[in-house]
Protein backbone atom coordinates (compact mmCIF):
# COMPACT_ATOMS: atom_id res chain seq x y z
CA UNK A 1 -15.90 2.05 -10.87
CA UNK A 2 -16.52 5.64 -11.70
CA UNK A 3 -15.32 8.02 -14.74
CA UNK A 4 -13.37 10.77 -13.43
CA UNK A 5 -12.33 13.48 -15.94
CA UNK A 6 -9.39 15.02 -14.06
CA UNK A 7 -9.23 18.45 -14.81
CA UNK A 8 -8.17 20.92 -12.45
CA UNK A 9 -9.51 24.51 -12.89
CA UNK A 10 -8.32 27.70 -11.76
CA UNK A 11 -11.59 29.34 -12.16
CA UNK A 12 -11.74 33.10 -12.41
CA UNK A 13 -14.91 34.79 -12.66
CA UNK A 14 -15.25 35.14 -16.66
CA UNK A 15 -11.81 34.16 -17.70
CA UNK A 16 -11.76 32.24 -20.93
CA UNK A 17 -15.34 32.58 -21.72
CA UNK A 18 -16.99 33.36 -24.87
CA UNK A 19 -20.35 33.62 -26.56
CA UNK A 20 -21.30 29.93 -25.55
CA UNK A 21 -24.48 29.32 -23.87
CA UNK A 22 -24.28 28.63 -20.00
CA UNK A 23 -26.51 25.61 -20.49
CA UNK A 24 -24.00 24.22 -23.13
CA UNK A 25 -21.71 23.58 -20.22
CA UNK A 26 -24.30 22.90 -17.51
CA UNK A 27 -24.46 19.27 -17.80
CA UNK A 28 -23.83 17.90 -14.49
CA UNK A 29 -24.60 18.97 -11.27
CA UNK A 30 -20.94 19.80 -10.49
CA UNK A 31 -20.44 22.54 -13.08
CA UNK A 32 -18.98 25.32 -10.97
CA UNK A 33 -21.66 28.08 -9.72
CA UNK A 34 -19.66 31.12 -10.10
CA UNK A 35 -19.23 30.54 -13.80
CA UNK A 36 -21.83 27.99 -15.10
CA UNK A 37 -25.43 27.57 -14.21
CA UNK A 38 -26.77 23.97 -13.80
CA UNK A 39 -28.96 22.23 -16.44
CA UNK A 40 -31.95 22.72 -13.93
CA UNK A 41 -32.40 24.23 -10.89
CA UNK A 42 -32.49 21.04 -8.90
CA UNK A 43 -29.61 19.73 -7.22
CA UNK A 44 -30.45 15.73 -7.94
CA UNK A 45 -27.98 13.41 -7.24
CA UNK A 46 -26.21 16.19 -4.67
CA UNK A 47 -25.88 14.77 -1.43
CA UNK A 48 -25.22 18.19 0.41
CA UNK A 49 -22.68 17.33 3.29
CA UNK A 50 -24.12 14.39 4.24
CA UNK A 51 -21.38 12.00 3.18
CA UNK A 52 -23.21 9.04 4.63
CA UNK A 53 -25.69 8.71 1.74
CA UNK A 54 -22.54 8.65 -0.58
CA UNK A 55 -22.11 5.15 -2.44
CA UNK A 56 -19.20 3.53 -1.01
CA UNK A 57 -16.54 1.05 -2.33
CA UNK A 58 -15.29 2.80 -5.51
CA UNK A 59 -11.68 1.69 -6.58
CA UNK A 60 -11.31 3.61 -9.78
CA UNK A 61 -13.02 6.45 -11.78
CA UNK A 62 -12.91 7.04 -15.51
CA UNK A 63 -11.47 10.25 -16.79
CA UNK A 64 -11.67 12.15 -20.42
CA UNK A 65 -10.28 15.17 -21.51
CA UNK A 66 -12.60 16.80 -23.93
CA UNK A 67 -16.30 15.87 -24.83
CA UNK A 68 -14.94 13.44 -27.00
CA UNK A 69 -11.99 12.09 -25.38
CA UNK A 70 -10.83 8.69 -25.00
CA UNK A 71 -11.41 7.28 -21.20
CA UNK A 72 -8.57 6.82 -18.92
CA UNK A 73 -8.86 5.10 -15.73
CA UNK A 74 -7.63 6.64 -12.46
CA UNK A 75 -6.89 4.17 -9.98
CA UNK A 76 -8.11 5.54 -6.41
CA UNK A 77 -5.99 5.94 -3.11
CA UNK A 78 -7.78 4.44 -0.12
CA UNK A 79 -8.31 7.70 1.79
CA UNK A 80 -11.09 9.64 2.80
CA UNK A 81 -10.53 12.54 0.55
CA UNK A 82 -10.80 9.72 -2.52
CA UNK A 83 -13.70 8.06 -1.25
CA UNK A 84 -15.72 11.32 -0.65
CA UNK A 85 -14.47 12.64 -4.51
CA UNK A 86 -15.72 9.21 -5.79
CA UNK A 87 -18.98 9.23 -3.76
CA UNK A 88 -20.15 12.70 -5.27
CA UNK A 89 -18.89 11.80 -8.80
CA UNK A 90 -21.53 8.47 -8.21
CA UNK A 91 -24.29 10.79 -7.37
CA UNK A 92 -23.94 12.95 -10.57
CA UNK A 93 -21.22 13.06 -13.33
CA UNK A 94 -19.08 16.19 -13.39
CA UNK A 95 -18.50 18.17 -16.48
CA UNK A 96 -15.67 20.69 -15.09
CA UNK A 97 -13.96 23.32 -17.33
CA UNK A 98 -10.70 24.52 -17.65
CA UNK A 99 -10.27 28.39 -18.02
CA UNK A 100 -6.75 28.75 -17.62
CA UNK A 101 -4.38 25.79 -19.27
CA UNK A 102 -1.16 27.59 -20.56
CA UNK A 103 -0.54 30.71 -18.48
CA UNK A 104 0.08 29.84 -15.12
CA UNK A 105 2.81 28.77 -13.00
CA UNK A 106 3.78 25.05 -13.87
CA UNK A 107 0.90 24.97 -16.82
CA UNK A 108 3.19 22.74 -18.58
CA UNK A 109 3.07 19.99 -15.96
CA UNK A 110 0.02 20.23 -14.22
CA UNK A 111 -3.83 21.36 -14.73
CA UNK A 112 -6.11 22.77 -11.91
CA UNK A 113 -9.52 21.62 -11.74
CA UNK A 114 -12.27 23.46 -9.35
CA UNK A 115 -14.72 21.44 -7.55
CA UNK A 116 -17.70 23.87 -6.51
CA UNK A 117 -17.56 24.65 -3.41
CA UNK A 118 -21.05 22.91 -2.25
CA UNK A 119 -19.32 19.57 -1.92
CA UNK A 120 -17.35 19.39 1.55
CA UNK A 121 -14.13 17.24 0.96
CA UNK A 122 -11.76 15.88 3.76
CA UNK A 123 -8.58 16.67 3.18
CA UNK A 124 -5.20 15.35 5.12
CA UNK A 125 -2.64 17.64 3.00
CA UNK A 126 1.09 16.99 3.36
CA UNK A 127 3.91 18.90 2.25
CA UNK A 128 4.60 17.16 -1.42
CA UNK A 129 7.84 18.23 -3.34
CA UNK A 130 7.89 15.82 -6.08
CA UNK A 131 5.45 14.49 -8.52
CA UNK A 132 5.11 11.58 -11.15
CA UNK A 133 3.16 11.77 -14.29
CA UNK A 134 -0.16 10.66 -13.60
CA UNK A 135 -0.23 11.45 -9.90
CA UNK A 136 -3.53 13.20 -9.09
CA UNK A 137 -4.17 15.06 -5.74
CA UNK A 138 -6.61 17.39 -4.08
CA UNK A 139 -5.74 20.99 -2.77
CA UNK A 140 -8.00 23.08 -0.59
CA UNK A 141 -10.34 24.68 -1.41
CA UNK A 142 -12.03 21.95 -3.19
CA UNK A 143 -9.59 21.68 -6.36
CA UNK A 144 -7.93 18.79 -8.19
CA UNK A 145 -4.49 18.72 -9.39
CA UNK A 146 -3.58 16.40 -12.01
CA UNK A 147 0.55 16.08 -13.19
CA UNK A 148 0.61 15.10 -16.74
CA UNK A 149 4.43 15.39 -16.59
CA UNK A 150 7.22 14.64 -13.87
CA UNK A 151 7.73 17.67 -11.64
CA UNK A 152 9.04 18.94 -8.57
CA UNK A 153 6.62 21.49 -7.74
CA UNK A 154 5.98 21.82 -3.86
CA UNK A 155 2.44 22.26 -2.47
CA UNK A 156 0.30 20.92 0.49
CA UNK A 157 -1.67 18.28 -1.25
CA UNK A 158 -3.57 15.13 -0.06
CA UNK A 159 -3.17 12.51 -3.19
CA UNK A 160 -6.04 10.68 -4.34
CA UNK A 161 -4.90 8.49 -6.99
CA UNK A 162 -3.21 8.17 -10.40
CA UNK A 163 -3.41 7.23 -13.88
CA UNK A 164 -1.21 5.45 -15.69
CA UNK A 165 1.59 7.31 -17.23
CA UNK A 166 1.56 6.90 -21.18
CA UNK A 167 2.17 8.89 -24.18
CA UNK A 168 -1.38 8.48 -25.32
CA UNK A 169 -2.18 9.98 -21.55
CA UNK A 170 0.47 13.03 -22.13
CA UNK A 171 -1.29 13.63 -25.48
CA UNK A 172 -4.67 13.78 -24.49
CA UNK A 173 -4.05 16.16 -21.78
CA UNK A 174 -1.80 18.40 -24.12
CA UNK A 175 -4.43 17.90 -27.27
CA UNK A 176 -7.99 18.52 -25.58
CA UNK A 177 -9.54 20.67 -27.55
CA UNK A 178 -10.87 24.13 -26.88
CA UNK A 179 -14.79 24.14 -26.90
CA UNK A 180 -16.21 25.36 -29.51
CA UNK A 181 -17.75 28.87 -29.14
CA UNK A 182 -16.26 29.07 -25.51
CA UNK A 183 -12.23 29.85 -24.63
CA UNK A 184 -12.00 26.76 -22.35
CA UNK A 185 -11.53 23.25 -22.40
CA UNK A 186 -13.61 20.33 -20.94
CA UNK A 187 -12.89 17.63 -18.69
CA UNK A 188 -15.10 14.64 -17.99
CA UNK A 189 -15.93 12.67 -14.21
CA UNK A 190 -18.45 10.09 -14.61
CA UNK A 191 -19.27 6.78 -13.11
CA UNK A 192 -18.91 3.98 -14.83
CA UNK A 193 -22.09 1.55 -14.62
């Protein structure tokens, strides 16, 4: 099993940033390189594009909203997109910032989390017109979309899994605190040992 903090970012360079240290946010190999540097210059755990070296068999990821958020389990769909994401998370935890969380279209029903472009993720996108709270999708290029309310948003998505819809889940997403010293929120994706 893996822990996945499901946070989809529409990461625009510099948006929502304040005086925080880049090192504070860069605790994983998956921090968006356009906005956050890595904890070290080494891409330890980053298998690059050779997906044959990724761990196999993950059926779920654990998702936390905020540094101290409660964990939620995302059950994965059995497709190559979900498998690739789980495999990458299995090699290095992801800690992704959310720069835009209440000022883009449909912000009240979903969040975007950008995955660094160095990760190659296959997609089998289909037109989706209706989503349920807790559904998680992949959208090219390298973006995860989490719906935390039922919605009718049309997009080209590959479903990768779902989190059980509950008041606790919706509250965790909506009440995810803004990181002190920064103007953004954080989502964690970690493996479960």
